[in-house]
Amino acid sequence: MTFYAIRSSKTLSLFQLESVKIDIPMPKAVLNCTLTATQGKYAFDPVSKLLSWDVGKVDGQKSNPNIRGSVILVILSIRYMFCNL
């Protein structure tokens, strides 16, 4: 599962964004996230399945912040067998 949020340095080179926060609702099958952010901090709530990334200040003169890593999914296949006694 890959998420991209792209900020073009050409269009925002003169601007600074303050207090950037990104909330991503994850599917119910997500058990955990092990990520690395180049800027800011992230938190994953396994109960609400919400990934929150507090990026902070984004400067148009610096490289784009990114977050990447692994997402652990739980896939269940339950089969019921009925027997007539």
Foldseek 3Di string as FASTA:
>chain_A
DDDDDDDDLVVCQPHKDFFDKDKDQDDLFWQDWDKDKPAADWDADRVRRIIMGGRGMDHSNDDDIDMDGDTDGDDDDDDDDDDDD
